[in-house]
C-alpha atoms as a PDB file:
ATOM      1  CA  MET A   1     108.337  79.531 123.063  1.00  0.00           C
ATOM      2  CA  THR A   2     109.837  82.638 124.269  1.00  0.00           C
ATOM      3  CA  ILE A   3     108.005  85.539 125.427  1.00  0.00           C
ATOM      4  CA  GLU A   4     107.941  87.492 122.791  1.00  0.00           C
ATOM      5  CA  GLU A   5     107.178  85.036 120.248  1.00  0.00           C
ATOM      6  CA  ARG A   6     103.678  84.311 122.261  1.00  0.00           C
ATOM      7  CA  ARG A   7     103.299  87.944 122.460  1.00  0.00           C
ATOM      8  CA  GLN A   8     103.621  87.959 118.190  1.00  0.00           C
ATOM      9  CA  ARG A   9     101.829  85.017 118.008  1.00  0.00           C
ATOM     10  CA  GLU A  10      98.576  86.358 119.929  1.00  0.00           C
ATOM     11  CA  ARG A  11      98.856  90.422 117.595  1.00  0.00           C
ATOM     12  CA  ILE A  12      98.451  88.123 114.280  1.00  0.00           C
ATOM     13  CA  ALA A  13      95.344  86.803 116.109  1.00  0.00           C
ATOM     14  CA  ARG A  14      94.350  89.822 116.809  1.00  0.00           C
ATOM     15  CA  GLN A  15      94.816  91.541 113.392  1.00  0.00           C
ATOM     16  CA  ARG A  16      93.115  88.154 111.816  1.00  0.00           C
ATOM     17  CA  LEU A  17      89.887  88.336 114.146  1.00  0.00           C
ATOM     18  CA  ILE A  18      89.941  92.087 113.304  1.00  0.00           C
ATOM     19  CA  THR A  19      89.950  91.702 109.863  1.00  0.00           C
ATOM     20  CA  ALA A  20      87.650  88.117 109.982  1.00  0.00           C
ATOM     21  CA  THR A  21      84.720  90.894 111.887  1.00  0.00           C
ATOM     22  CA  ALA A  22      85.490  94.484 109.741  1.00  0.00           C
ATOM     23  CA  ARG A  23      84.718  91.504 106.666  1.00  0.00           C
ATOM     24  CA  ALA A  24      82.077  89.502 107.673  1.00  0.00           C
ATOM     25  CA  LEU A  25      80.363  92.701 109.164  1.00  0.00           C
ATOM     26  CA  ALA A  26      80.907  94.614 105.330  1.00  0.00           C
ATOM     27  CA  GLU A  27      79.375  91.324 104.185  1.00  0.00           C
ATOM     28  CA  ARG A  28      75.900  91.392 106.294  1.00  0.00           C
ATOM     29  CA  GLU A  29      75.330  95.083 106.363  1.00  0.00           C
ATOM     30  CA  GLY A  30      77.695  97.134 103.966  1.00  0.00           C
ATOM     31  CA  TRP A  31      81.100  98.980 104.633  1.00  0.00           C
ATOM     32  CA  ASP A  32      79.254 101.867 105.736  1.00  0.00           C
ATOM     33  CA  ALA A  33      78.150  99.880 108.815  1.00  0.00           C
ATOM     34  CA  VAL A  34      81.815  98.993 109.215  1.00  0.00           C
ATOM     35  CA  THR A  35      83.122 101.646 112.206  1.00  0.00           C
ATOM     36  CA  THR A  36      85.941 101.515 114.688  1.00  0.00           C
ATOM     37  CA  ARG A  37      82.908 101.890 117.540  1.00  0.00           C
ATOM     38  CA  ARG A  38      81.103  98.740 115.731  1.00  0.00           C
ATOM     39  CA  LEU A  39      84.224  96.587 115.547  1.00  0.00           C
ATOM     40  CA  SER A  40      85.068  96.873 119.119  1.00  0.00           C
ATOM     41  CA  ALA A  41      81.780  96.275 120.227  1.00  0.00           C
ATOM     42  CA  GLU A  42      81.964  93.158 118.102  1.00  0.00           C
ATOM     43  CA  ILE A  43      85.289  91.585 119.350  1.00  0.00           C
ATOM     44  CA  GLU A  44      84.744  93.087 122.368  1.00  0.00           C
ATOM     45  CA  TYR A  45      88.312  94.920 122.166  1.00  0.00           C
ATOM     46  CA  SER A  46      88.735  98.735 122.929  1.00  0.00           C
ATOM     47  CA  GLN A  47      89.493 101.190 120.443  1.00  0.00           C
ATOM     48  CA  PRO A  48      92.410 102.082 121.677  1.00  0.00           C
ATOM     49  CA  VAL A  49      93.271  98.333 121.414  1.00  0.00           C
ATOM     50  CA  LEU A  50      92.443  98.405 117.288  1.00  0.00           C
ATOM     51  CA  TYR A  51      94.507 100.746 116.904  1.00  0.00           C
ATOM     52  CA  LYS A  52      97.522  99.504 117.752  1.00  0.00           C
ATOM     53  CA  HIS A  53      97.125  96.910 115.355  1.00  0.00           C
ATOM     54  CA  PHE A  54      95.767  99.430 112.530  1.00  0.00           C
ATOM     55  CA  ARG A  55      96.338 103.713 112.235  1.00  0.00           C
ATOM     56  CA  SER A  56      92.962 103.879 110.902  1.00  0.00           C
ATOM     57  CA  MET A  57      89.529 102.003 109.157  1.00  0.00           C
ATOM     58  CA  GLU A  58      91.770 102.835 105.928  1.00  0.00           C
ATOM     59  CA  GLU A  59      94.467 100.233 106.807  1.00  0.00           C
ATOM     60  CA  ILE A  60      91.731  97.531 107.816  1.00  0.00           C
ATOM     61  CA  VAL A  61      90.530  97.253 104.407  1.00  0.00           C
ATOM     62  CA  GLU A  62      93.781  97.635 102.796  1.00  0.00           C
ATOM     63  CA  ALA A  63      93.988  94.099 105.105  1.00  0.00           C
ATOM     64  CA  VAL A  64      90.787  92.860 104.180  1.00  0.00           C
ATOM     65  CA  ALA A  65      91.578  94.174 100.678  1.00  0.00           C
ATOM     66  CA  LEU A  66      94.628  91.705 100.225  1.00  0.00           C
ATOM     67  CA  GLU A  67      93.709  88.521 102.165  1.00  0.00           C
ATOM     68  CA  GLY A  68      90.549  88.558  99.229  1.00  0.00           C
ATOM     69  CA  PHE A  69      93.596  89.302  97.065  1.00  0.00           C
ATOM     70  CA  GLY A  70      95.241  85.816  98.281  1.00  0.00           C
ATOM     71  CA  GLU A  71      91.684  84.432  98.417  1.00  0.00           C
ATOM     72  CA  LEU A  72      91.292  85.798  94.539  1.00  0.00           C
ATOM     73  CA  ALA A  73      94.418  84.071  93.669  1.00  0.00           C
ATOM     74  CA  ALA A  74      94.054  81.030  94.343  1.00  0.00           C
ATOM     75  CA  SER A  75      90.567  80.986  92.426  1.00  0.00           C
ATOM     76  CA  LEU A  76      92.196  81.928  89.221  1.00  0.00           C
ATOM     77  CA  ARG A  77      95.548  79.274  90.142  1.00  0.00           C
ATOM     78  CA  GLU A  78      92.525  76.778  91.206  1.00  0.00           C
ATOM     79  CA  ALA A  79      89.978  77.033  88.094  1.00  0.00           C
ATOM     80  CA  ARG A  80      92.404  76.742  85.611  1.00  0.00           C
ATOM     81  CA  ARG A  81      93.762  73.148  87.054  1.00  0.00           C
ATOM     82  CA  ASP A  82      92.872  69.993  84.729  1.00  0.00           C
ATOM     83  CA  THR A  83      91.656  72.540  81.412  1.00  0.00           C
ATOM     84  CA  THR A  84      91.670  70.561  78.915  1.00  0.00           C
ATOM     85  CA  SER A  85      93.086  73.248  75.733  1.00  0.00           C
ATOM     86  CA  PRO A  86      94.303  77.482  76.614  1.00  0.00           C
ATOM     87  CA  ASP A  87      91.008  78.980  74.888  1.00  0.00           C
ATOM     88  CA  ASP A  88      89.490  76.751  78.427  1.00  0.00           C
ATOM     89  CA  GLU A  89      91.833  78.457  80.970  1.00  0.00           C
ATOM     90  CA  LEU A  90      90.962  81.430  79.473  1.00  0.00           C
ATOM     91  CA  GLY A  91      87.887  81.003  79.962  1.00  0.00           C
ATOM     92  CA  ARG A  92      87.270  78.984  83.191  1.00  0.00           C
ATOM     93  CA  ALA A  93      90.016  81.953  84.520  1.00  0.00           C
ATOM     94  CA  ALA A  94      87.416  84.287  83.398  1.00  0.00           C
ATOM     95  CA  ALA A  95      84.432  82.526  84.765  1.00  0.00           C
ATOM     96  CA  ALA A  96      86.424  82.649  88.524  1.00  0.00           C
ATOM     97  CA  PHE A  97      86.760  86.559  88.462  1.00  0.00           C
ATOM     98  CA  SER A  98      83.297  86.830  87.752  1.00  0.00           C
ATOM     99  CA  GLY A  99      82.384  84.636  90.256  1.00  0.00           C
ATOM    100  CA  PHE A 100      84.100  84.778  92.889  1.00  0.00           C
ATOM    101  CA  ALA A 101      82.601  89.007  92.986  1.00  0.00           C
ATOM    102  CA  ALA A 102      79.216  87.679  92.475  1.00  0.00           C
ATOM    103  CA  LYS A 103      79.844  85.371  95.780  1.00  0.00           C
ATOM    104  CA  ASN A 104      82.248  88.342  97.994  1.00  0.00           C
ATOM    105  CA  PRO A 105      80.494  91.673  97.391  1.00  0.00           C
ATOM    106  CA  ALA A 106      82.057  93.475 100.076  1.00  0.00           C
ATOM    107  CA  LEU A 107      85.253  91.472  99.510  1.00  0.00           C
ATOM    108  CA  TYR A 108      85.476  92.073  96.186  1.00  0.00           C
ATOM    109  CA  ASP A 109      84.392  96.246  96.934  1.00  0.00           C
ATOM    110  CA  ALA A 110      87.818  96.116  99.231  1.00  0.00           C
ATOM    111  CA  MET A 111      89.342  94.916  96.659  1.00  0.00           C
ATOM    112  CA  PHE A 112      88.124  97.308  94.026  1.00  0.00           C
ATOM    113  CA  VAL A 113      85.672  99.930  94.159  1.00  0.00           C
ATOM    114  CA  ARG A 114      86.574 101.434  97.695  1.00  0.00           C
ATOM    115  CA  SER A 115      89.548 103.991  97.411  1.00  0.00           C
ATOM    116  CA  THR A 116      93.024 102.553  98.989  1.00  0.00           C
ATOM    117  CA  ARG A 117      96.663 103.052  98.934  1.00  0.00           C
ATOM    118  CA  LEU A 118      97.245  99.573  96.970  1.00  0.00           C
ATOM    119  CA  ARG A 119      98.638  99.876  93.826  1.00  0.00           C
ATOM    120  CA  PHE A 120      98.837  97.775  91.201  1.00  0.00           C
ATOM    121  CA  ALA A 121     101.095  99.212  88.712  1.00  0.00           C
ATOM    122  CA  ALA A 122     104.034 100.132  91.703  1.00  0.00           C
ATOM    123  CA  GLY A 123     107.383  98.042  92.288  1.00  0.00           C
ATOM    124  CA  ASP A 124     106.970  97.595  96.012  1.00  0.00           C
ATOM    125  CA  ALA A 125     103.489  96.555  95.307  1.00  0.00           C
ATOM    126  CA  PRO A 126     102.002  94.051  98.061  1.00  0.00           C
ATOM    127  CA  THR A 127     102.908  90.157  96.985  1.00  0.00           C
ATOM    128  CA  PRO A 128      98.885  89.315  96.762  1.00  0.00           C
ATOM    129  CA  LEU A 129      97.796  91.942  94.635  1.00  0.00           C
ATOM    130  CA  THR A 130     100.882  91.117  92.427  1.00  0.00           C
ATOM    131  CA  GLU A 131      99.902  87.523  91.947  1.00  0.00           C
ATOM    132  CA  ALA A 132      95.596  87.873  91.392  1.00  0.00           C
ATOM    133  CA  PHE A 133      97.305  89.787  88.429  1.00  0.00           C
ATOM    134  CA  THR A 134     100.057  86.936  87.730  1.00  0.00           C
ATOM    135  CA  ALA A 135      97.305  83.986  88.345  1.00  0.00           C
ATOM    136  CA  LEU A 136      95.318  85.789  85.632  1.00  0.00           C
ATOM    137  CA  ARG A 137      98.012  87.067  82.808  1.00  0.00           C
ATOM    138  CA  ASP A 138      98.635  83.061  82.769  1.00  0.00           C
ATOM    139  CA  ALA A 139      95.321  82.386  81.654  1.00  0.00           C
ATOM    140  CA  VAL A 140      95.865  85.303  79.026  1.00  0.00           C
ATOM    141  CA  ALA A 141      99.365  84.400  78.423  1.00  0.00           C
ATOM    142  CA  THR A 142      98.019  81.068  77.151  1.00  0.00           C
ATOM    143  CA  VAL A 143      95.968  82.310  74.096  1.00  0.00           C
ATOM    144  CA  THR A 144      97.711  85.769  73.258  1.00  0.00           C
ATOM    145  CA  ALA A 145     101.233  85.298  72.338  1.00  0.00           C
ATOM    146  CA  PRO A 146     103.820  87.626  70.906  1.00  0.00           C
ATOM    147  CA  ARG A 147     101.035  89.983  71.686  1.00  0.00           C
ATOM    148  CA  ASP A 148     101.668  91.939  75.113  1.00  0.00           C
ATOM    149  CA  ALA A 149      99.910  89.916  78.039  1.00  0.00           C
ATOM    150  CA  ASP A 150     100.423  92.092  80.816  1.00  0.00           C
ATOM    151  CA  THR A 151      98.717  94.931  78.583  1.00  0.00           C
ATOM    152  CA  LEU A 152      96.173  92.393  77.948  1.00  0.00           C
ATOM    153  CA  THR A 153      95.308  91.358  81.002  1.00  0.00           C
ATOM    154  CA  GLU A 154      95.084  95.157  82.375  1.00  0.00           C
ATOM    155  CA  VAL A 155      92.345  94.691  79.576  1.00  0.00           C
ATOM    156  CA  LEU A 156      90.508  92.108  80.719  1.00  0.00           C
ATOM    157  CA  TRP A 157      90.420  92.552  84.112  1.00  0.00           C
ATOM    158  CA  ALA A 158      88.723  96.599  83.319  1.00  0.00           C
ATOM    159  CA  ALA A 159      86.288  94.309  80.898  1.00  0.00           C
ATOM    160  CA  LEU A 160      85.849  91.890  84.018  1.00  0.00           C
ATOM    161  CA  HIS A 161      85.458  94.429  86.673  1.00  0.00           C
ATOM    162  CA  GLY A 162      82.381  96.354  84.163  1.00  0.00           C
ATOM    163  CA  LEU A 163      80.953  93.710  83.623  1.00  0.00           C
ATOM    164  CA  VAL A 164      80.598  92.635  87.332  1.00  0.00           C
ATOM    165  CA  MET A 165      79.522  95.974  88.349  1.00  0.00           C
ATOM    166  CA  LEU A 166      77.013  96.614  85.867  1.00  0.00           C
ATOM    167  CA  ASP A 167      75.697  92.556  86.955  1.00  0.00           C
ATOM    168  CA  ARG A 168      75.600  93.410  90.567  1.00  0.00           C
ATOM    169  CA  HIS A 169      73.240  96.673  89.911  1.00  0.00           C
ATOM    170  CA  GLY A 170      70.761  95.026  87.590  1.00  0.00           C
ATOM    171  CA  ARG A 171      72.183  96.597  84.680  1.00  0.00           C
ATOM    172  CA  LEU A 172      72.882  93.488  82.448  1.00  0.00           C
ATOM    173  CA  ARG A 173      69.764  90.652  81.341  1.00  0.00           C
ATOM    174  CA  PRO A 174      70.871  87.933  84.301  1.00  0.00           C
ATOM    175  CA  ASP A 175      70.098  85.124  82.128  1.00  0.00           C
ATOM    176  CA  HIS A 176      73.368  86.362  79.523  1.00  0.00           C
ATOM    177  CA  ARG A 177      75.972  85.806  81.721  1.00  0.00           C
ATOM    178  CA  THR A 178      77.540  82.942  80.312  1.00  0.00           C
ATOM    179  CA  ALA A 179      77.196  84.331  77.644  1.00  0.00           C
ATOM    180  CA  ARG A 180      78.741  87.528  77.449  1.00  0.00           C
ATOM    181  CA  LEU A 181      81.563  86.321  79.916  1.00  0.00           C
ATOM    182  CA  ASP A 182      82.438  83.875  75.905  1.00  0.00           C
ATOM    183  CA  ALA A 183      81.984  86.649  74.358  1.00  0.00           C
ATOM    184  CA  LEU A 184      84.816  88.404  75.891  1.00  0.00           C
ATOM    185  CA  VAL A 185      86.739  85.557  76.503  1.00  0.00           C
ATOM    186  CA  ALA A 186      86.606  85.609  72.092  1.00  0.00           C
ATOM    187  CA  ARG A 187      88.030  88.916  71.705  1.00  0.00           C
ATOM    188  CA  PHE A 188      91.025  88.238  73.247  1.00  0.00           C
ATOM    189  CA  ARG A 189      92.114  84.256  71.191  1.00  0.00           C
ATOM    190  CA  PRO A 190      94.489  84.818  68.389  1.00  0.00           C
ATOM    191  CA  ALA A 191      92.631  86.245  64.523  1.00  0.00           C
ATOM    192  CA  THR A 192      92.734  83.277  62.204  1.00  0.00           C
ATOM    193  CA  SER A 193      93.645  83.734  58.490  1.00  0.00           C
END
């Protein structure tokens, strides 16, 4: 291994430590507790070392969000495995999305609530964003053909996000989560004559 390869490996390890620490701290105490000063203390690196890897807290949050989108894409794909019907695929994907958000509230906030420069609808959208969208779109496409799967995926994504946030803040009846997801998924099935 060359010196440059070793340095690159160490740089990647430090970046992962920074994002993992930021994420863990945010999950424990919320994003307001995640500051460069606090991160420096937690990982025992100086603030200038943090700034060598990330120019700002926003970049750290974006890096955490990108990791989250990769995890969400994997969760959505896993949920669709071994399904018995297209309706089942979409229902399981919707449940996986909702479950991911409930299990990882601070990560979900980094992905969908906090202001970032990450854009889905851009031609240069980062791969984890497009993979997460595609994983959900693939489930939507199983029941929506020949309708526009991209637009319907955006609608489902927005509806799921609304349910997640309302549920998180106690605005919905907790014992009706499954019924709400079932009702939402039913709206995406094609009309029968």
